[in-house]
Amino acid sequence: MPPWNLLDLDKALRACWAADTCSPSDISGVAWRPDNPAWGHCDITALIVHDIFGGDLVVGEVHVDGEPEGFHWWNRLPSGVELDLTREQFQHGQAITAARVVARPPGPLPRRWEEYLLLRERVIERLGPLPEPV
């Protein structure tokens, strides 16, 4: 099997994001929509990137008009390059602040485990086997 690259992974993730893999809290209202499929996928996308490429998980606070609205996850690859495959979800002036590196939770995620496994399975269908979850 040929080695994966970031372009292959980016294309596969974008093709696999859907309402059933979105964070349940982001499904209603003006949040997740087919024309903004990255919305609500940052945490599980960052974990899948981490499964494949390692590095650090980075989380920051999302603010709108200076008020906290939630959290955003992305990756810092072992090379030091920061990779945020879901940044385009923020289309309404959101700002990301207070970025910090966080340890990956051991074992199954305390929340979002089913969505993570579903997204991971869809990516596997497109690209072939992934490493086992950490």
N, C-alpha and C. Protein backbone atom coordinates (compact mmCIF):
# COMPACT_ATOMS: atom_id res chain seq x y z
N MET A 1 0.85 -1.19 0.00
CA MET A 1 0.00 0.00 0.00
C MET A 1 0.88 1.24 0.00
N PRO A 2 0.64 2.22 -0.88
CA PRO A 2 1.46 3.43 -0.90
C PRO A 2 1.27 4.24 0.38
N PRO A 3 2.30 4.99 0.79
CA PRO A 3 2.14 5.80 2.01
C PRO A 3 1.11 6.91 1.80
N TRP A 4 0.46 7.23 2.89
CA TRP A 4 -0.51 8.31 2.86
C TRP A 4 0.21 9.64 2.81
N ASN A 5 -0.49 10.65 2.33
CA ASN A 5 0.02 12.01 2.43
C ASN A 5 -1.12 12.90 2.90
N LEU A 6 -0.78 14.13 3.27
CA LEU A 6 -1.78 15.04 3.82
C LEU A 6 -2.87 15.39 2.81
N LEU A 7 -2.52 15.48 1.55
CA LEU A 7 -3.54 15.80 0.54
C LEU A 7 -4.58 14.70 0.45
N ASP A 8 -4.13 13.43 0.44
CA ASP A 8 -5.08 12.31 0.41
C ASP A 8 -5.99 12.35 1.63
N LEU A 9 -5.40 12.57 2.80
CA LEU A 9 -6.18 12.59 4.02
C LEU A 9 -7.16 13.76 4.02
N ASP A 10 -6.72 14.93 3.60
CA ASP A 10 -7.59 16.09 3.56
C ASP A 10 -8.80 15.82 2.65
N LYS A 11 -8.57 15.29 1.48
CA LYS A 11 -9.66 14.98 0.56
C LYS A 11 -10.62 13.95 1.15
N ALA A 12 -10.07 12.92 1.78
CA ALA A 12 -10.92 11.87 2.36
C ALA A 12 -11.77 12.43 3.50
N LEU A 13 -11.16 13.20 4.38
CA LEU A 13 -11.92 13.77 5.49
C LEU A 13 -13.05 14.66 4.99
N ARG A 14 -12.76 15.52 4.04
CA ARG A 14 -13.78 16.44 3.50
C ARG A 14 -14.94 15.66 2.86
N ALA A 15 -14.63 14.53 2.24
CA ALA A 15 -15.67 13.71 1.62
C ALA A 15 -16.49 12.96 2.67
N CYS A 16 -15.94 12.79 3.87
CA CYS A 16 -16.58 11.96 4.90
C CYS A 16 -17.30 12.75 5.98
N TRP A 17 -17.01 14.03 6.14
CA TRP A 17 -17.72 14.82 7.15
C TRP A 17 -19.20 14.85 6.80
N ALA A 18 -20.05 14.66 7.80
CA ALA A 18 -21.50 14.67 7.57
C ALA A 18 -22.21 15.01 8.87
N ALA A 19 -23.50 15.17 8.79
CA ALA A 19 -24.29 15.50 9.98
C ALA A 19 -24.14 14.45 11.06
N ASP A 20 -24.02 13.18 10.68
CA ASP A 20 -23.94 12.12 11.69
C ASP A 20 -22.56 11.99 12.33
N THR A 21 -21.56 12.73 11.83
CA THR A 21 -20.25 12.75 12.49
C THR A 21 -19.98 14.10 13.14
N CYS A 22 -20.87 15.04 12.96
CA CYS A 22 -20.75 16.37 13.57
C CYS A 22 -21.01 16.26 15.07
N SER A 23 -20.40 17.15 15.83
CA SER A 23 -20.68 17.21 17.26
C SER A 23 -22.17 17.45 17.46
N PRO A 24 -22.84 16.63 18.27
CA PRO A 24 -24.29 16.79 18.44
C PRO A 24 -24.70 18.21 18.85
N SER A 25 -23.87 18.90 19.60
CA SER A 25 -24.22 20.26 20.02
C SER A 25 -24.14 21.26 18.86
N ASP A 26 -23.55 20.86 17.74
CA ASP A 26 -23.38 21.76 16.60
C ASP A 26 -24.34 21.47 15.45
N ILE A 27 -25.26 20.55 15.63
CA ILE A 27 -26.19 20.18 14.56
C ILE A 27 -27.29 21.20 14.36
N SER A 28 -27.77 21.79 15.43
CA SER A 28 -28.94 22.67 15.33
C SER A 28 -28.56 24.10 14.98
N GLY A 29 -29.56 24.88 14.65
CA GLY A 29 -29.36 26.31 14.41
C GLY A 29 -28.54 26.59 13.16
N VAL A 30 -27.65 27.56 13.26
CA VAL A 30 -26.85 27.99 12.11
C VAL A 30 -25.51 27.28 12.06
N ALA A 31 -25.34 26.23 12.83
CA ALA A 31 -24.06 25.55 12.93
C ALA A 31 -23.80 24.67 11.70
N TRP A 32 -23.87 23.34 11.86
CA TRP A 32 -23.51 22.45 10.76
C TRP A 32 -24.50 22.56 9.62
N ARG A 33 -23.96 22.65 8.42
CA ARG A 33 -24.76 22.66 7.19
C ARG A 33 -23.93 21.99 6.10
N PRO A 34 -24.57 21.43 5.10
CA PRO A 34 -23.80 20.82 4.02
C PRO A 34 -22.83 21.78 3.34
N ASP A 35 -23.13 23.08 3.33
CA ASP A 35 -22.21 24.04 2.72
C ASP A 35 -21.11 24.49 3.68
N ASN A 36 -21.10 23.98 4.91
CA ASN A 36 -20.03 24.23 5.87
C ASN A 36 -19.75 22.91 6.61
N PRO A 37 -19.30 21.88 5.87
CA PRO A 37 -19.20 20.54 6.45
C PRO A 37 -18.12 20.39 7.52
N ALA A 38 -17.16 21.29 7.59
CA ALA A 38 -16.11 21.18 8.61
C ALA A 38 -16.64 21.49 10.01
N TRP A 39 -17.77 22.22 10.08
CA TRP A 39 -18.30 22.65 11.37
C TRP A 39 -18.57 21.44 12.27
N GLY A 40 -18.09 21.52 13.50
CA GLY A 40 -18.36 20.47 14.48
C GLY A 40 -17.51 19.22 14.31
N HIS A 41 -16.45 19.30 13.51
CA HIS A 41 -15.61 18.14 13.25
C HIS A 41 -14.16 18.33 13.70
N CYS A 42 -13.83 19.44 14.34
CA CYS A 42 -12.43 19.72 14.62
C CYS A 42 -11.79 18.70 15.55
N ASP A 43 -12.49 18.30 16.61
CA ASP A 43 -11.88 17.40 17.59
C ASP A 43 -11.58 16.03 16.99
N ILE A 44 -12.57 15.42 16.34
CA ILE A 44 -12.34 14.07 15.81
C ILE A 44 -11.44 14.09 14.57
N THR A 45 -11.45 15.18 13.81
CA THR A 45 -10.52 15.31 12.70
C THR A 45 -9.10 15.41 13.22
N ALA A 46 -8.87 16.22 14.25
CA ALA A 46 -7.54 16.35 14.84
C ALA A 46 -7.05 15.01 15.38
N LEU A 47 -7.96 14.22 15.95
CA LEU A 47 -7.56 12.91 16.48
C LEU A 47 -7.16 11.95 15.36
N ILE A 48 -7.87 11.98 14.25
CA ILE A 48 -7.51 11.11 13.13
C ILE A 48 -6.17 11.53 12.54
N VAL A 49 -5.93 12.83 12.39
CA VAL A 49 -4.62 13.30 11.93
C VAL A 49 -3.54 12.83 12.91
N HIS A 50 -3.82 12.92 14.19
CA HIS A 50 -2.88 12.48 15.22
C HIS A 50 -2.62 10.98 15.12
N ASP A 51 -3.67 10.19 14.84
CA ASP A 51 -3.50 8.74 14.65
C ASP A 51 -2.44 8.44 13.60
N ILE A 52 -2.44 9.21 12.54
CA ILE A 52 -1.61 8.92 11.38
C ILE A 52 -0.24 9.57 11.46
N PHE A 53 -0.20 10.84 11.85
CA PHE A 53 1.04 11.60 11.77
C PHE A 53 1.67 11.91 13.13
N GLY A 54 0.96 11.63 14.23
CA GLY A 54 1.51 11.93 15.55
C GLY A 54 1.55 13.43 15.79
N GLY A 55 2.51 13.86 16.58
CA GLY A 55 2.65 15.28 16.91
C GLY A 55 1.83 15.64 18.13
N ASP A 56 1.42 16.90 18.19
CA ASP A 56 0.67 17.42 19.33
C ASP A 56 -0.77 17.73 18.93
N LEU A 57 -1.67 17.61 19.89
CA LEU A 57 -3.03 18.11 19.76
C LEU A 57 -3.06 19.49 20.38
N VAL A 58 -3.63 20.44 19.66
CA VAL A 58 -3.71 21.82 20.12
C VAL A 58 -5.17 22.20 20.25
N VAL A 59 -5.52 22.87 21.34
CA VAL A 59 -6.89 23.34 21.52
C VAL A 59 -6.85 24.83 21.86
N GLY A 60 -7.79 25.57 21.32
CA GLY A 60 -7.91 27.00 21.59
C GLY A 60 -9.35 27.34 21.90
N GLU A 61 -9.54 28.49 22.47
CA GLU A 61 -10.88 28.97 22.79
C GLU A 61 -11.44 29.73 21.59
N VAL A 62 -12.71 29.50 21.29
CA VAL A 62 -13.41 30.21 20.21
C VAL A 62 -14.17 31.36 20.86
N HIS A 63 -13.97 32.57 20.31
CA HIS A 63 -14.67 33.75 20.81
C HIS A 63 -15.41 34.43 19.66
N VAL A 64 -16.59 34.93 19.97
CA VAL A 64 -17.36 35.75 19.03
C VAL A 64 -17.65 37.06 19.75
N ASP A 65 -17.27 38.16 19.12
CA ASP A 65 -17.45 39.49 19.73
C ASP A 65 -16.87 39.53 21.14
N GLY A 66 -15.73 38.85 21.33
CA GLY A 66 -15.04 38.85 22.62
C GLY A 66 -15.61 37.90 23.66
N GLU A 67 -16.69 37.23 23.33
CA GLU A 67 -17.33 36.30 24.28
C GLU A 67 -16.96 34.86 23.94
N PRO A 68 -16.65 34.04 24.95
CA PRO A 68 -16.32 32.63 24.68
C PRO A 68 -17.52 31.87 24.11
N GLU A 69 -17.24 31.06 23.10
CA GLU A 69 -18.31 30.30 22.45
C GLU A 69 -18.02 28.80 22.44
N GLY A 70 -16.80 28.40 22.69
CA GLY A 70 -16.48 26.97 22.66
C GLY A 70 -14.99 26.77 22.47
N PHE A 71 -14.64 25.61 21.94
CA PHE A 71 -13.23 25.25 21.75
C PHE A 71 -13.00 24.76 20.33
N HIS A 72 -11.77 24.89 19.88
CA HIS A 72 -11.37 24.44 18.55
C HIS A 72 -10.09 23.63 18.68
N TRP A 73 -10.03 22.51 17.96
CA TRP A 73 -8.89 21.59 17.99
C TRP A 73 -8.18 21.57 16.64
N TRP A 74 -6.86 21.42 16.67
CA TRP A 74 -6.05 21.22 15.47
C TRP A 74 -4.78 20.50 15.85
N ASN A 75 -3.84 20.38 14.91
CA ASN A 75 -2.64 19.58 15.12
C ASN A 75 -1.37 20.41 14.95
N ARG A 76 -0.35 20.02 15.68
CA ARG A 76 1.01 20.47 15.42
C ARG A 76 1.79 19.20 15.07
N LEU A 77 2.21 19.10 13.83
CA LEU A 77 2.90 17.91 13.35
C LEU A 77 4.29 17.82 13.97
N PRO A 78 4.91 16.63 13.93
CA PRO A 78 6.25 16.49 14.50
C PRO A 78 7.27 17.48 13.92
N SER A 79 7.05 17.95 12.70
CA SER A 79 7.94 18.94 12.07
C SER A 79 7.80 20.32 12.70
N GLY A 80 6.74 20.52 13.51
CA GLY A 80 6.46 21.83 14.08
C GLY A 80 5.41 22.62 13.32
N VAL A 81 5.03 22.14 12.14
CA VAL A 81 4.02 22.81 11.32
C VAL A 81 2.65 22.60 11.97
N GLU A 82 1.88 23.68 12.08
CA GLU A 82 0.52 23.57 12.58
C GLU A 82 -0.42 23.31 11.41
N LEU A 83 -1.30 22.32 11.60
CA LEU A 83 -2.21 21.89 10.56
C LEU A 83 -3.63 21.95 11.11
N ASP A 84 -4.47 22.76 10.48
CA ASP A 84 -5.85 22.92 10.92
C ASP A 84 -6.76 22.66 9.72
N LEU A 85 -7.24 21.43 9.61
CA LEU A 85 -8.05 21.04 8.46
C LEU A 85 -9.49 21.50 8.55
N THR A 86 -9.90 22.07 9.68
CA THR A 86 -11.29 22.50 9.83
C THR A 86 -11.43 24.00 10.09
N ARG A 87 -10.38 24.76 9.90
CA ARG A 87 -10.40 26.19 10.21
C ARG A 87 -11.46 26.95 9.41
N GLU A 88 -11.76 26.48 8.19
CA GLU A 88 -12.71 27.23 7.35
C GLU A 88 -14.13 27.21 7.89
N GLN A 89 -14.39 26.40 8.91
CA GLN A 89 -15.74 26.39 9.50
C GLN A 89 -16.11 27.74 10.09
N PHE A 90 -15.12 28.53 10.46
CA PHE A 90 -15.39 29.81 11.11
C PHE A 90 -15.59 30.89 10.06
N GLN A 91 -16.86 31.19 9.77
CA GLN A 91 -17.22 32.11 8.71
C GLN A 91 -17.92 33.36 9.21
N HIS A 92 -18.00 33.53 10.55
CA HIS A 92 -18.77 34.64 11.10
C HIS A 92 -17.97 35.44 12.12
N GLY A 93 -16.69 35.67 11.83
CA GLY A 93 -15.88 36.52 12.69
C GLY A 93 -15.38 35.89 13.97
N GLN A 94 -15.45 34.58 14.08
CA GLN A 94 -14.94 33.93 15.28
C GLN A 94 -13.42 34.12 15.36
N ALA A 95 -12.92 34.23 16.58
CA ALA A 95 -11.49 34.33 16.83
C ALA A 95 -11.06 33.16 17.70
N ILE A 96 -9.89 32.61 17.41
CA ILE A 96 -9.34 31.51 18.21
C ILE A 96 -8.23 32.09 19.07
N THR A 97 -8.35 31.90 20.39
CA THR A 97 -7.37 32.44 21.33
C THR A 97 -6.91 31.35 22.29
N ALA A 98 -5.91 31.67 23.10
CA ALA A 98 -5.45 30.84 24.21
C ALA A 98 -5.12 29.42 23.77
N ALA A 99 -4.40 29.27 22.65
CA ALA A 99 -4.02 27.94 22.18
C ALA A 99 -3.07 27.28 23.16
N ARG A 100 -3.29 25.98 23.36
CA ARG A 100 -2.40 25.22 24.23
C ARG A 100 -2.35 23.77 23.76
N VAL A 101 -1.24 23.11 24.00
CA VAL A 101 -1.09 21.70 23.68
C VAL A 101 -1.76 20.90 24.78
N VAL A 102 -2.50 19.87 24.38
CA VAL A 102 -3.18 19.00 25.34
C VAL A 102 -2.78 17.55 25.08
N ALA A 103 -2.79 16.76 26.13
CA ALA A 103 -2.51 15.34 25.99
C ALA A 103 -3.73 14.64 25.41
N ARG A 104 -3.47 13.66 24.57
CA ARG A 104 -4.57 12.87 24.03
C ARG A 104 -5.17 12.03 25.14
N PRO A 105 -6.50 12.03 25.25
CA PRO A 105 -7.12 11.19 26.28
C PRO A 105 -6.79 9.72 26.01
N PRO A 106 -6.45 8.95 27.04
CA PRO A 106 -6.17 7.54 26.82
C PRO A 106 -7.46 6.76 26.57
N GLY A 107 -7.38 5.74 25.74
CA GLY A 107 -8.52 4.87 25.49
C GLY A 107 -9.64 5.59 24.77
N PRO A 108 -10.86 5.05 24.90
CA PRO A 108 -12.00 5.68 24.23
C PRO A 108 -12.22 7.11 24.72
N LEU A 109 -12.60 7.95 23.80
CA LEU A 109 -12.85 9.35 24.15
C LEU A 109 -14.03 9.42 25.11
N PRO A 110 -13.97 10.31 26.08
CA PRO A 110 -15.09 10.40 27.02
C PRO A 110 -16.39 10.82 26.34
N ARG A 111 -16.29 11.54 25.24
CA ARG A 111 -17.46 11.90 24.46
C ARG A 111 -17.05 11.87 23.00
N ARG A 112 -17.97 11.70 22.11
CA ARG A 112 -17.71 11.71 20.67
C ARG A 112 -17.03 10.43 20.16
N TRP A 113 -16.99 9.37 20.95
CA TRP A 113 -16.34 8.13 20.52
C TRP A 113 -17.03 7.55 19.29
N GLU A 114 -18.37 7.50 19.28
CA GLU A 114 -19.08 6.93 18.14
C GLU A 114 -18.83 7.72 16.86
N GLU A 115 -18.85 9.05 16.96
CA GLU A 115 -18.61 9.89 15.77
C GLU A 115 -17.19 9.73 15.27
N TYR A 116 -16.24 9.65 16.20
CA TYR A 116 -14.83 9.43 15.84
C TYR A 116 -14.69 8.12 15.08
N LEU A 117 -15.26 7.04 15.62
CA LEU A 117 -15.14 5.73 14.97
C LEU A 117 -15.83 5.72 13.61
N LEU A 118 -16.98 6.40 13.48
CA LEU A 118 -17.69 6.46 12.21
C LEU A 118 -16.88 7.22 11.16
N LEU A 119 -16.34 8.38 11.53
CA LEU A 119 -15.52 9.15 10.60
C LEU A 119 -14.27 8.36 10.22
N ARG A 120 -13.64 7.75 11.19
CA ARG A 120 -12.44 6.95 10.96
C ARG A 120 -12.74 5.81 9.98
N GLU A 121 -13.87 5.13 10.16
CA GLU A 121 -14.24 4.02 9.28
C GLU A 121 -14.46 4.52 7.85
N ARG A 122 -15.08 5.67 7.69
CA ARG A 122 -15.29 6.23 6.36
C ARG A 122 -13.96 6.58 5.68
N VAL A 123 -13.04 7.11 6.45
CA VAL A 123 -11.71 7.43 5.89
C VAL A 123 -11.00 6.14 5.49
N ILE A 124 -11.09 5.11 6.31
CA ILE A 124 -10.49 3.81 5.99
C ILE A 124 -11.06 3.26 4.70
N GLU A 125 -12.37 3.40 4.49
CA GLU A 125 -13.00 2.92 3.26
C GLU A 125 -12.41 3.61 2.04
N ARG A 126 -12.03 4.85 2.19
CA ARG A 126 -11.48 5.61 1.07
C ARG A 126 -9.98 5.38 0.87
N LEU A 127 -9.24 5.24 1.97
CA LEU A 127 -7.77 5.26 1.87
C LEU A 127 -7.08 3.96 2.27
N GLY A 128 -7.79 3.07 2.92
CA GLY A 128 -7.16 1.85 3.41
C GLY A 128 -6.92 1.94 4.91
N PRO A 129 -6.29 0.92 5.48
CA PRO A 129 -6.16 0.81 6.94
C PRO A 129 -5.42 2.00 7.56
N LEU A 130 -5.94 2.37 8.73
CA LEU A 130 -5.29 3.38 9.58
C LEU A 130 -4.67 2.68 10.77
N PRO A 131 -3.79 3.36 11.48
CA PRO A 131 -3.31 2.78 12.73
C PRO A 131 -4.46 2.62 13.72
N GLU A 132 -4.32 1.71 14.66
CA GLU A 132 -5.32 1.56 15.71
C GLU A 132 -5.36 2.81 16.58
N PRO A 133 -6.54 3.17 17.12
CA PRO A 133 -6.61 4.34 18.00
C PRO A 133 -5.69 4.17 19.20
N VAL A 134 -5.09 5.27 19.62
CA VAL A 134 -4.18 5.24 20.77
C VAL A 134 -4.97 5.01 22.03
